[in-house]
PDB file of all heavy atoms in Angstrom:
ATOM      1  N   ARG A   1     -11.342  65.035  50.639  1.00  0.00           N
ATOM      2  CA  ARG A   1     -11.963  63.715  50.565  1.00  0.00           C
ATOM      3  C   ARG A   1     -13.472  63.816  50.690  1.00  0.00           C
ATOM      4  O   ARG A   1     -14.235  63.132  50.032  1.00  0.00           O
ATOM      5  CB  ARG A   1     -11.394  62.827  51.654  1.00  0.00           C
ATOM      6  CG  ARG A   1     -11.860  61.384  51.605  1.00  0.00           C
ATOM      7  CD  ARG A   1     -11.328  60.611  52.786  1.00  0.00           C
ATOM      8  NE  ARG A   1      -9.878  60.701  52.859  1.00  0.00           N
ATOM      9  CZ  ARG A   1      -9.169  60.349  53.933  1.00  0.00           C
ATOM     10  NH1 ARG A   1      -9.810  59.908  55.013  1.00  0.00           N
ATOM     11  NH2 ARG A   1      -7.851  60.448  53.935  1.00  0.00           N
ATOM     12  N   LEU A   2     -13.956  64.694  51.613  1.00  0.00           N
ATOM     13  CA  LEU A   2     -15.388  64.839  51.809  1.00  0.00           C
ATOM     14  C   LEU A   2     -16.052  65.539  50.639  1.00  0.00           C
ATOM     15  O   LEU A   2     -17.248  65.373  50.388  1.00  0.00           O
ATOM     16  CB  LEU A   2     -15.660  65.606  53.103  1.00  0.00           C
ATOM     17  CG  LEU A   2     -15.277  64.864  54.390  1.00  0.00           C
ATOM     18  CD1 LEU A   2     -15.396  65.810  55.573  1.00  0.00           C
ATOM     19  CD2 LEU A   2     -16.159  63.661  54.602  1.00  0.00           C
ATOM     20  N   GLN A   3     -15.272  66.370  49.918  1.00  0.00           N
ATOM     21  CA  GLN A   3     -15.853  67.102  48.776  1.00  0.00           C
ATOM     22  C   GLN A   3     -16.000  66.218  47.547  1.00  0.00           C
ATOM     23  O   GLN A   3     -16.654  66.594  46.573  1.00  0.00           O
ATOM     24  CB  GLN A   3     -14.982  68.302  48.439  1.00  0.00           C
ATOM     25  CG  GLN A   3     -15.101  69.423  49.463  1.00  0.00           C
ATOM     26  CD  GLN A   3     -14.159  70.579  49.161  1.00  0.00           C
ATOM     27  OE1 GLN A   3     -13.169  70.409  48.440  1.00  0.00           O
ATOM     28  NE2 GLN A   3     -14.471  71.750  49.719  1.00  0.00           N
ATOM     29  N   ARG A   4     -15.360  65.037  47.537  1.00  0.00           N
ATOM     30  CA  ARG A   4     -15.520  64.124  46.414  1.00  0.00           C
ATOM     31  C   ARG A   4     -16.975  63.683  46.305  1.00  0.00           C
ATOM     32  O   ARG A   4     -17.660  63.538  47.298  1.00  0.00           O
ATOM     33  CB  ARG A   4     -14.636  62.887  46.600  1.00  0.00           C
ATOM     34  CG  ARG A   4     -13.140  63.218  46.617  1.00  0.00           C
ATOM     35  CD  ARG A   4     -12.355  61.971  46.976  1.00  0.00           C
ATOM     36  NE  ARG A   4     -10.944  62.287  47.107  1.00  0.00           N
ATOM     37  CZ  ARG A   4     -10.030  61.439  47.570  1.00  0.00           C
ATOM     38  NH1 ARG A   4     -10.436  60.207  47.943  1.00  0.00           N
ATOM     39  NH2 ARG A   4      -8.771  61.782  47.676  1.00  0.00           N
ATOM     40  N   PRO A   5     -17.433  63.469  45.101  1.00  0.00           N
ATOM     41  CA  PRO A   5     -18.832  63.047  44.915  1.00  0.00           C
ATOM     42  C   PRO A   5     -19.045  61.643  45.509  1.00  0.00           C
ATOM     43  O   PRO A   5     -18.592  60.651  44.938  1.00  0.00           O
ATOM     44  CB  PRO A   5     -19.022  63.045  43.405  1.00  0.00           C
ATOM     45  CG  PRO A   5     -17.641  62.917  42.845  1.00  0.00           C
ATOM     46  CD  PRO A   5     -16.718  63.609  43.788  1.00  0.00           C
ATOM     47  N   ARG A   6     -19.672  61.630  46.648  1.00  0.00           N
ATOM     48  CA  ARG A   6     -20.004  60.357  47.313  1.00  0.00           C
ATOM     49  C   ARG A   6     -21.475  60.370  47.666  1.00  0.00           C
ATOM     50  O   ARG A   6     -22.149  61.394  47.611  1.00  0.00           O
ATOM     51  CB  ARG A   6     -19.161  60.168  48.581  1.00  0.00           C
ATOM     52  CG  ARG A   6     -17.653  60.108  48.311  1.00  0.00           C
ATOM     53  CD  ARG A   6     -16.880  59.846  49.578  1.00  0.00           C
ATOM     54  NE  ARG A   6     -17.214  58.546  50.153  1.00  0.00           N
ATOM     55  CZ  ARG A   6     -16.730  58.112  51.293  1.00  0.00           C
ATOM     56  NH1 ARG A   6     -15.908  58.874  51.988  1.00  0.00           N
ATOM     57  NH2 ARG A   6     -17.079  56.920  51.764  1.00  0.00           N
ATOM     58  N   SER A   7     -21.964  59.233  48.068  1.00  0.00           N
ATOM     59  CA  SER A   7     -23.379  59.116  48.429  1.00  0.00           C
ATOM     60  C   SER A   7     -23.657  59.954  49.677  1.00  0.00           C
ATOM     61  O   SER A   7     -22.766  60.244  50.484  1.00  0.00           O
ATOM     62  CB  SER A   7     -23.744  57.655  48.659  1.00  0.00           C
ATOM     63  OG  SER A   7     -22.973  57.136  49.732  1.00  0.00           O
ATOM     64  N   GLU A   8     -24.931  60.305  49.847  1.00  0.00           N
ATOM     65  CA  GLU A   8     -25.308  61.102  51.013  1.00  0.00           C
ATOM     66  C   GLU A   8     -25.151  60.302  52.307  1.00  0.00           C
ATOM     67  O   GLU A   8     -25.228  59.083  52.304  1.00  0.00           O
ATOM     68  CB  GLU A   8     -26.764  61.578  50.869  1.00  0.00           C
ATOM     69  CG  GLU A   8     -26.968  62.575  49.747  1.00  0.00           C
ATOM     70  CD  GLU A   8     -28.376  63.124  49.728  1.00  0.00           C
ATOM     71  OE1 GLU A   8     -29.206  62.628  50.552  1.00  0.00           O
ATOM     72  OE2 GLU A   8     -28.646  64.038  48.949  1.00  0.00           O
ATOM     73  N   LEU A   9     -24.908  61.045  53.392  1.00  0.00           N
ATOM     74  CA  LEU A   9     -24.703  60.423  54.693  1.00  0.00           C
ATOM     75  C   LEU A   9     -25.869  60.827  55.596  1.00  0.00           C
ATOM     76  O   LEU A   9     -25.909  61.938  56.117  1.00  0.00           O
ATOM     77  CB  LEU A   9     -23.387  60.911  55.307  1.00  0.00           C
ATOM     78  CG  LEU A   9     -22.987  60.286  56.654  1.00  0.00           C
ATOM     79  CD1 LEU A   9     -22.834  58.774  56.524  1.00  0.00           C
ATOM     80  CD2 LEU A   9     -21.688  60.918  57.152  1.00  0.00           C
ATOM     81  N   PRO A  10     -26.841  59.950  55.788  1.00  0.00           N
ATOM     82  CA  PRO A  10     -28.018  60.312  56.611  1.00  0.00           C
ATOM     83  C   PRO A  10     -27.623  60.518  58.080  1.00  0.00           C
ATOM     84  O   PRO A  10     -26.706  59.866  58.598  1.00  0.00           O
ATOM     85  CB  PRO A  10     -28.961  59.120  56.457  1.00  0.00           C
ATOM     86  CG  PRO A  10     -28.437  58.332  55.300  1.00  0.00           C
ATOM     87  CD  PRO A  10     -26.969  58.578  55.239  1.00  0.00           C
ATOM     88  N   VAL A  11     -28.354  61.389  58.718  1.00  0.00           N
ATOM     89  CA  VAL A  11     -28.143  61.621  60.157  1.00  0.00           C
ATOM     90  C   VAL A  11     -28.449  60.351  60.948  1.00  0.00           C
ATOM     91  O   VAL A  11     -27.791  60.052  61.955  1.00  0.00           O
ATOM     92  CB  VAL A  11     -29.035  62.790  60.632  1.00  0.00           C
ATOM     93  CG1 VAL A  11     -28.998  62.916  62.156  1.00  0.00           C
ATOM     94  CG2 VAL A  11     -28.602  64.092  59.980  1.00  0.00           C
ATOM     95  N   GLU A  12     -29.435  59.570  60.480  1.00  0.00           N
ATOM     96  CA  GLU A  12     -29.791  58.341  61.188  1.00  0.00           C
ATOM     97  C   GLU A  12     -28.632  57.353  61.236  1.00  0.00           C
ATOM     98  O   GLU A  12     -28.439  56.645  62.236  1.00  0.00           O
ATOM     99  CB  GLU A  12     -31.002  57.676  60.524  1.00  0.00           C
ATOM    100  CG  GLU A  12     -32.315  58.431  60.696  1.00  0.00           C
ATOM    101  CD  GLU A  12     -32.391  59.668  59.802  1.00  0.00           C
ATOM    102  OE1 GLU A  12     -31.513  59.798  58.905  1.00  0.00           O
ATOM    103  OE2 GLU A  12     -33.299  60.488  60.013  1.00  0.00           O
ATOM    104  N   ARG A  13     -27.816  57.323  60.124  1.00  0.00           N
ATOM    105  CA  ARG A  13     -26.677  56.416  60.125  1.00  0.00           C
ATOM    106  C   ARG A  13     -25.613  56.874  61.108  1.00  0.00           C
ATOM    107  O   ARG A  13     -25.009  56.057  61.811  1.00  0.00           O
ATOM    108  CB  ARG A  13     -26.091  56.337  58.716  1.00  0.00           C
ATOM    109  CG  ARG A  13     -24.962  55.327  58.592  1.00  0.00           C
ATOM    110  CD  ARG A  13     -24.474  55.181  57.172  1.00  0.00           C
ATOM    111  NE  ARG A  13     -25.563  54.767  56.284  1.00  0.00           N
ATOM    112  CZ  ARG A  13     -25.442  54.706  54.955  1.00  0.00           C
ATOM    113  NH1 ARG A  13     -24.317  55.062  54.367  1.00  0.00           N
ATOM    114  NH2 ARG A  13     -26.467  54.318  54.222  1.00  0.00           N
ATOM    115  N   ILE A  14     -25.379  58.190  61.223  1.00  0.00           N
ATOM    116  CA  ILE A  14     -24.405  58.705  62.196  1.00  0.00           C
ATOM    117  C   ILE A  14     -24.860  58.354  63.607  1.00  0.00           C
ATOM    118  O   ILE A  14     -24.058  57.949  64.455  1.00  0.00           O
ATOM    119  CB  ILE A  14     -24.235  60.232  62.025  1.00  0.00           C
ATOM    120  CG1 ILE A  14     -23.711  60.540  60.630  1.00  0.00           C
ATOM    121  CG2 ILE A  14     -23.320  60.793  63.091  1.00  0.00           C
ATOM    122  CD1 ILE A  14     -23.615  62.019  60.332  1.00  0.00           C
ATOM    123  N   LEU A  15     -26.163  58.521  63.873  1.00  0.00           N
ATOM    124  CA  LEU A  15     -26.679  58.183  65.206  1.00  0.00           C
ATOM    125  C   LEU A  15     -26.564  56.694  65.491  1.00  0.00           C
ATOM    126  O   LEU A  15     -26.322  56.285  66.636  1.00  0.00           O
ATOM    127  CB  LEU A  15     -28.137  58.646  65.327  1.00  0.00           C
ATOM    128  CG  LEU A  15     -28.368  60.154  65.310  1.00  0.00           C
ATOM    129  CD1 LEU A  15     -29.857  60.459  65.285  1.00  0.00           C
ATOM    130  CD2 LEU A  15     -27.709  60.812  66.521  1.00  0.00           C
ATOM    131  N   GLU A  16     -26.730  55.875  64.450  1.00  0.00           N
ATOM    132  CA  GLU A  16     -26.564  54.423  64.619  1.00  0.00           C
ATOM    133  C   GLU A  16     -25.129  54.099  64.990  1.00  0.00           C
ATOM    134  O   GLU A  16     -24.876  53.279  65.886  1.00  0.00           O
ATOM    135  CB  GLU A  16     -26.973  53.712  63.342  1.00  0.00           C
ATOM    136  CG  GLU A  16     -26.879  52.188  63.428  1.00  0.00           C
ATOM    137  CD  GLU A  16     -27.255  51.524  62.114  1.00  0.00           C
ATOM    138  OE1 GLU A  16     -27.815  52.222  61.238  1.00  0.00           O
ATOM    139  OE2 GLU A  16     -26.997  50.322  61.968  1.00  0.00           O
ATOM    140  N   TRP A  17     -24.159  54.745  64.288  1.00  0.00           N
ATOM    141  CA  TRP A  17     -22.757  54.542  64.642  1.00  0.00           C
ATOM    142  C   TRP A  17     -22.476  55.013  66.065  1.00  0.00           C
ATOM    143  O   TRP A  17     -21.721  54.382  66.809  1.00  0.00           O
ATOM    144  CB  TRP A  17     -21.861  55.313  63.655  1.00  0.00           C
ATOM    145  CG  TRP A  17     -21.879  54.737  62.259  1.00  0.00           C
ATOM    146  CD1 TRP A  17     -22.207  53.483  61.869  1.00  0.00           C
ATOM    147  CD2 TRP A  17     -21.560  55.452  61.062  1.00  0.00           C
ATOM    148  NE1 TRP A  17     -22.119  53.334  60.510  1.00  0.00           N
ATOM    149  CE2 TRP A  17     -21.713  54.536  59.969  1.00  0.00           C
ATOM    150  CE3 TRP A  17     -21.178  56.746  60.764  1.00  0.00           C
ATOM    151  CZ2 TRP A  17     -21.476  54.901  58.641  1.00  0.00           C
ATOM    152  CZ3 TRP A  17     -20.932  57.105  59.453  1.00  0.00           C
ATOM    153  CH2 TRP A  17     -21.081  56.186  58.398  1.00  0.00           C
ATOM    154  N   ALA A  18     -23.075  56.139  66.436  1.00  0.00           N
ATOM    155  CA  ALA A  18     -22.853  56.684  67.787  1.00  0.00           C
ATOM    156  C   ALA A  18     -23.415  55.749  68.848  1.00  0.00           C
ATOM    157  O   ALA A  18     -22.780  55.542  69.908  1.00  0.00           O
ATOM    158  CB  ALA A  18     -23.478  58.063  67.905  1.00  0.00           C
ATOM    159  N   ASP A  19     -24.607  55.182  68.586  1.00  0.00           N
ATOM    160  CA  ASP A  19     -25.186  54.231  69.546  1.00  0.00           C
ATOM    161  C   ASP A  19     -24.312  53.002  69.694  1.00  0.00           C
ATOM    162  O   ASP A  19     -24.120  52.485  70.811  1.00  0.00           O
ATOM    163  CB  ASP A  19     -26.588  53.824  69.085  1.00  0.00           C
ATOM    164  CG  ASP A  19     -27.587  54.967  69.180  1.00  0.00           C
ATOM    165  OD1 ASP A  19     -27.346  55.894  69.965  1.00  0.00           O
ATOM    166  OD2 ASP A  19     -28.603  54.927  68.457  1.00  0.00           O
ATOM    167  N   ARG A  20     -23.751  52.527  68.600  1.00  0.00           N
ATOM    168  CA  ARG A  20     -22.872  51.369  68.647  1.00  0.00           C
ATOM    169  C   ARG A  20     -21.597  51.685  69.436  1.00  0.00           C
ATOM    170  O   ARG A  20     -21.128  50.880  70.240  1.00  0.00           O
ATOM    171  CB  ARG A  20     -22.525  50.925  67.228  1.00  0.00           C
ATOM    172  CG  ARG A  20     -21.852  49.559  67.136  1.00  0.00           C
ATOM    173  CD  ARG A  20     -21.530  49.231  65.676  1.00  0.00           C
ATOM    174  NE  ARG A  20     -22.726  49.371  64.831  1.00  0.00           N
ATOM    175  CZ  ARG A  20     -22.678  49.411  63.499  1.00  0.00           C
ATOM    176  NH1 ARG A  20     -21.496  49.359  62.868  1.00  0.00           N
ATOM    177  NH2 ARG A  20     -23.791  49.528  62.793  1.00  0.00           N
ATOM    178  N   PHE A  21     -21.059  52.891  69.219  1.00  0.00           N
ATOM    179  CA  PHE A  21     -19.874  53.335  69.944  1.00  0.00           C
ATOM    180  C   PHE A  21     -20.171  53.416  71.446  1.00  0.00           C
ATOM    181  O   PHE A  21     -19.358  52.991  72.289  1.00  0.00           O
ATOM    182  CB  PHE A  21     -19.425  54.701  69.403  1.00  0.00           C
ATOM    183  CG  PHE A  21     -18.129  55.191  69.993  1.00  0.00           C
ATOM    184  CD1 PHE A  21     -16.933  54.969  69.332  1.00  0.00           C
ATOM    185  CD2 PHE A  21     -18.100  55.888  71.197  1.00  0.00           C
ATOM    186  CE1 PHE A  21     -15.731  55.422  69.875  1.00  0.00           C
ATOM    187  CE2 PHE A  21     -16.921  56.328  71.745  1.00  0.00           C
ATOM    188  CZ  PHE A  21     -15.724  56.096  71.073  1.00  0.00           C
ATOM    189  N   HIS A  22     -21.334  53.967  71.794  1.00  0.00           N
ATOM    190  CA  HIS A  22     -21.709  54.126  73.209  1.00  0.00           C
ATOM    191  C   HIS A  22     -21.911  52.777  73.877  1.00  0.00           C
ATOM    192  O   HIS A  22     -21.546  52.578  75.039  1.00  0.00           O
ATOM    193  CB  HIS A  22     -22.979  54.973  73.319  1.00  0.00           C
ATOM    194  CG  HIS A  22     -23.375  55.310  74.721  1.00  0.00           C
ATOM    195  ND1 HIS A  22     -24.182  54.478  75.471  1.00  0.00           N
ATOM    196  CD2 HIS A  22     -23.064  56.367  75.505  1.00  0.00           C
ATOM    197  CE1 HIS A  22     -24.353  55.029  76.669  1.00  0.00           C
ATOM    198  NE2 HIS A  22     -23.684  56.169  76.714  1.00  0.00           N
ATOM    199  N   ALA A  23     -22.504  51.833  73.160  1.00  0.00           N
ATOM    200  CA  ALA A  23     -22.729  50.502  73.731  1.00  0.00           C
ATOM    201  C   ALA A  23     -21.403  49.794  73.982  1.00  0.00           C
ATOM    202  O   ALA A  23     -21.295  48.993  74.919  1.00  0.00           O
ATOM    203  CB  ALA A  23     -23.608  49.686  72.778  1.00  0.00           C
ATOM    204  N   ARG A  24     -20.403  50.082  73.165  1.00  0.00           N
ATOM    205  CA  ARG A  24     -19.125  49.380  73.310  1.00  0.00           C
ATOM    206  C   ARG A  24     -18.197  50.052  74.319  1.00  0.00           C
ATOM    207  O   ARG A  24     -17.500  49.375  75.072  1.00  0.00           O
ATOM    208  CB  ARG A  24     -18.429  49.318  71.942  1.00  0.00           C
ATOM    209  CG  ARG A  24     -17.117  48.551  71.947  1.00  0.00           C
ATOM    210  CD  ARG A  24     -16.627  48.257  70.553  1.00  0.00           C
ATOM    211  NE  ARG A  24     -15.421  47.450  70.580  1.00  0.00           N
ATOM    212  CZ  ARG A  24     -14.798  47.009  69.506  1.00  0.00           C
ATOM    213  NH1 ARG A  24     -15.287  47.275  68.295  1.00  0.00           N
ATOM    214  NH2 ARG A  24     -13.700  46.279  69.612  1.00  0.00           N
ATOM    215  N   HIS A  25     -18.196  51.405  74.341  1.00  0.00           N
ATOM    216  CA  HIS A  25     -17.224  52.126  75.163  1.00  0.00           C
ATOM    217  C   HIS A  25     -17.838  52.789  76.382  1.00  0.00           C
ATOM    218  O   HIS A  25     -17.107  53.299  77.242  1.00  0.00           O
ATOM    219  CB  HIS A  25     -16.525  53.198  74.315  1.00  0.00           C
ATOM    220  CG  HIS A  25     -15.780  52.639  73.144  1.00  0.00           C
ATOM    221  ND1 HIS A  25     -14.542  52.042  73.257  1.00  0.00           N
ATOM    222  CD2 HIS A  25     -16.119  52.565  71.820  1.00  0.00           C
ATOM    223  CE1 HIS A  25     -14.124  51.646  72.065  1.00  0.00           C
ATOM    224  NE2 HIS A  25     -15.066  51.946  71.162  1.00  0.00           N
ATOM    225  N   GLY A  26     -19.170  52.847  76.491  1.00  0.00           N
ATOM    226  CA  GLY A  26     -19.797  53.465  77.644  1.00  0.00           C
ATOM    227  C   GLY A  26     -19.785  54.982  77.617  1.00  0.00           C
ATOM    228  O   GLY A  26     -20.056  55.613  78.647  1.00  0.00           O
ATOM    229  N   ARG A  27     -19.481  55.599  76.501  1.00  0.00           N
ATOM    230  CA  ARG A  27     -19.510  57.057  76.347  1.00  0.00           C
ATOM    231  C   ARG A  27     -19.832  57.389  74.900  1.00  0.00           C
ATOM    232  O   ARG A  27     -19.788  56.526  74.012  1.00  0.00           O
ATOM    233  CB  ARG A  27     -18.175  57.678  76.743  1.00  0.00           C
ATOM    234  CG  ARG A  27     -16.990  57.237  75.877  1.00  0.00           C
ATOM    235  CD  ARG A  27     -15.700  57.903  76.315  1.00  0.00           C
ATOM    236  NE  ARG A  27     -14.578  57.483  75.464  1.00  0.00           N
ATOM    237  CZ  ARG A  27     -14.246  58.041  74.303  1.00  0.00           C
ATOM    238  NH1 ARG A  27     -14.994  59.071  73.817  1.00  0.00           N
ATOM    239  NH2 ARG A  27     -13.235  57.603  73.600  1.00  0.00           N
ATOM    240  N   TRP A  28     -20.173  58.670  74.646  1.00  0.00           N
ATOM    241  CA  TRP A  28     -20.508  59.081  73.302  1.00  0.00           C
ATOM    242  C   TRP A  28     -19.244  59.522  72.560  1.00  0.00           C
ATOM    243  O   TRP A  28     -18.304  60.025  73.183  1.00  0.00           O
ATOM    244  CB  TRP A  28     -21.522  60.225  73.324  1.00  0.00           C
ATOM    245  CG  TRP A  28     -22.841  59.820  73.889  1.00  0.00           C
ATOM    246  CD1 TRP A  28     -23.320  60.103  75.123  1.00  0.00           C
ATOM    247  CD2 TRP A  28     -23.839  59.017  73.255  1.00  0.00           C
ATOM    248  NE1 TRP A  28     -24.548  59.547  75.324  1.00  0.00           N
ATOM    249  CE2 TRP A  28     -24.911  58.869  74.173  1.00  0.00           C
ATOM    250  CE3 TRP A  28     -23.947  58.404  72.002  1.00  0.00           C
ATOM    251  CZ2 TRP A  28     -26.052  58.146  73.885  1.00  0.00           C
ATOM    252  CZ3 TRP A  28     -25.095  57.678  71.716  1.00  0.00           C
ATOM    253  CH2 TRP A  28     -26.124  57.557  72.635  1.00  0.00           C
ATOM    254  N   PRO A  29     -19.182  59.368  71.248  1.00  0.00           N
ATOM    255  CA  PRO A  29     -17.966  59.699  70.504  1.00  0.00           C
ATOM    256  C   PRO A  29     -17.780  61.209  70.358  1.00  0.00           C
ATOM    257  O   PRO A  29     -18.714  61.998  70.501  1.00  0.00           O
ATOM    258  CB  PRO A  29     -18.218  59.046  69.143  1.00  0.00           C
ATOM    259  CG  PRO A  29     -19.702  59.021  69.003  1.00  0.00           C
ATOM    260  CD  PRO A  29     -20.252  58.820  70.378  1.00  0.00           C
ATOM    261  N   ASN A  30     -16.517  61.576  70.057  1.00  0.00           N
ATOM    262  CA  ASN A  30     -16.209  62.957  69.692  1.00  0.00           C
ATOM    263  C   ASN A  30     -15.273  62.956  68.506  1.00  0.00           C
ATOM    264  O   ASN A  30     -14.942  61.899  67.950  1.00  0.00           O
ATOM    265  CB  ASN A  30     -15.599  63.699  70.892  1.00  0.00           C
ATOM    266  CG  ASN A  30     -14.358  63.012  71.440  1.00  0.00           C
ATOM    267  OD1 ASN A  30     -13.418  62.703  70.697  1.00  0.00           O
ATOM    268  ND2 ASN A  30     -14.357  62.735  72.746  1.00  0.00           N
ATOM    269  N   ALA A  31     -14.847  64.138  68.086  1.00  0.00           N
ATOM    270  CA  ALA A  31     -14.065  64.252  66.847  1.00  0.00           C
ATOM    271  C   ALA A  31     -12.680  63.628  66.955  1.00  0.00           C
ATOM    272  O   ALA A  31     -12.017  63.456  65.906  1.00  0.00           O
ATOM    273  CB  ALA A  31     -13.930  65.732  66.451  1.00  0.00           C
ATOM    274  N   ASN A  32     -12.217  63.245  68.121  1.00  0.00           N
ATOM    275  CA  ASN A  32     -10.868  62.708  68.299  1.00  0.00           C
ATOM    276  C   ASN A  32     -10.850  61.201  68.454  1.00  0.00           C
ATOM    277  O   ASN A  32      -9.819  60.651  68.852  1.00  0.00           O
ATOM    278  CB  ASN A  32     -10.216  63.348  69.525  1.00  0.00           C
ATOM    279  CG  ASN A  32     -10.117  64.858  69.409  1.00  0.00           C
ATOM    280  OD1 ASN A  32      -9.819  65.373  68.348  1.00  0.00           O
ATOM    281  ND2 ASN A  32     -10.363  65.553  70.521  1.00  0.00           N
ATOM    282  N   ASP A  33     -11.958  60.520  68.137  1.00  0.00           N
ATOM    283  CA  ASP A  33     -12.059  59.086  68.403  1.00  0.00           C
ATOM    284  C   ASP A  33     -11.687  58.189  67.234  1.00  0.00           C
ATOM    285  O   ASP A  33     -11.964  56.988  67.254  1.00  0.00           O
ATOM    286  CB  ASP A  33     -13.487  58.749  68.873  1.00  0.00           C
ATOM    287  CG  ASP A  33     -13.679  59.084  70.330  1.00  0.00           C
ATOM    288  OD1 ASP A  33     -12.726  58.871  71.110  1.00  0.00           O
ATOM    289  OD2 ASP A  33     -14.758  59.565  70.705  1.00  0.00           O
ATOM    290  N   GLY A  34     -11.069  58.738  66.198  1.00  0.00           N
ATOM    291  CA  GLY A  34     -10.518  57.915  65.137  1.00  0.00           C
ATOM    292  C   GLY A  34     -11.546  57.328  64.177  1.00  0.00           C
ATOM    293  O   GLY A  34     -12.558  57.943  63.861  1.00  0.00           O
ATOM    294  N   GLN A  35     -11.259  56.080  63.751  1.00  0.00           N
ATOM    295  CA  GLN A  35     -12.052  55.427  62.725  1.00  0.00           C
ATOM    296  C   GLN A  35     -13.478  55.145  63.199  1.00  0.00           C
ATOM    297  O   GLN A  35     -13.712  54.770  64.342  1.00  0.00           O
ATOM    298  CB  GLN A  35     -11.400  54.096  62.317  1.00  0.00           C
ATOM    299  CG  GLN A  35     -11.990  53.426  61.108  1.00  0.00           C
ATOM    300  CD  GLN A  35     -11.598  54.125  59.821  1.00  0.00           C
ATOM    301  OE1 GLN A  35     -10.486  54.637  59.699  1.00  0.00           O
ATOM    302  NE2 GLN A  35     -12.492  54.176  58.866  1.00  0.00           N
ATOM    303  N   VAL A  36     -14.445  55.345  62.284  1.00  0.00           N
ATOM    304  CA  VAL A  36     -15.844  55.027  62.547  1.00  0.00           C
ATOM    305  C   VAL A  36     -16.046  53.528  62.338  1.00  0.00           C
ATOM    306  O   VAL A  36     -15.693  53.000  61.294  1.00  0.00           O
ATOM    307  CB  VAL A  36     -16.779  55.838  61.643  1.00  0.00           C
ATOM    308  CG1 VAL A  36     -18.227  55.421  61.861  1.00  0.00           C
ATOM    309  CG2 VAL A  36     -16.628  57.322  61.892  1.00  0.00           C
ATOM    310  N   GLU A  37     -16.584  52.860  63.329  1.00  0.00           N
ATOM    311  CA  GLU A  37     -16.875  51.439  63.194  1.00  0.00           C
ATOM    312  C   GLU A  37     -18.104  51.288  62.315  1.00  0.00           C
ATOM    313  O   GLU A  37     -19.211  51.571  62.714  1.00  0.00           O
ATOM    314  CB  GLU A  37     -17.125  50.823  64.577  1.00  0.00           C
ATOM    315  CG  GLU A  37     -15.937  50.923  65.499  1.00  0.00           C
ATOM    316  CD  GLU A  37     -16.238  50.351  66.872  1.00  0.00           C
ATOM    317  OE1 GLU A  37     -17.311  49.760  67.019  1.00  0.00           O
ATOM    318  OE2 GLU A  37     -15.416  50.503  67.776  1.00  0.00           O
ATOM    319  N   GLY A  38     -17.929  50.809  61.132  1.00  0.00           N
ATOM    320  CA  GLY A  38     -19.023  50.675  60.191  1.00  0.00           C
ATOM    321  C   GLY A  38     -18.706  51.299  58.847  1.00  0.00           C
ATOM    322  O   GLY A  38     -19.425  51.095  57.871  1.00  0.00           O
ATOM    323  N   ASP A  39     -17.628  52.088  58.790  1.00  0.00           N
ATOM    324  CA  ASP A  39     -17.198  52.713  57.521  1.00  0.00           C
ATOM    325  C   ASP A  39     -15.682  52.782  57.537  1.00  0.00           C
ATOM    326  O   ASP A  39     -15.070  53.528  58.315  1.00  0.00           O
ATOM    327  CB  ASP A  39     -17.803  54.116  57.374  1.00  0.00           C
ATOM    328  CG  ASP A  39     -17.630  54.653  55.953  1.00  0.00           C
ATOM    329  OD1 ASP A  39     -16.552  54.427  55.352  1.00  0.00           O
ATOM    330  OD2 ASP A  39     -18.563  55.292  55.448  1.00  0.00           O
TER     331      ASP A  39
END
């Protein structure tokens, strides 16, 4: 799925998702946290 031709994913957008996750859950995300809120 990731190898399909899709638009680039900026690091700033990942950090924005992480900040949103931290504000909601009080901790930083990891690889086991499921769906990304925002995509």
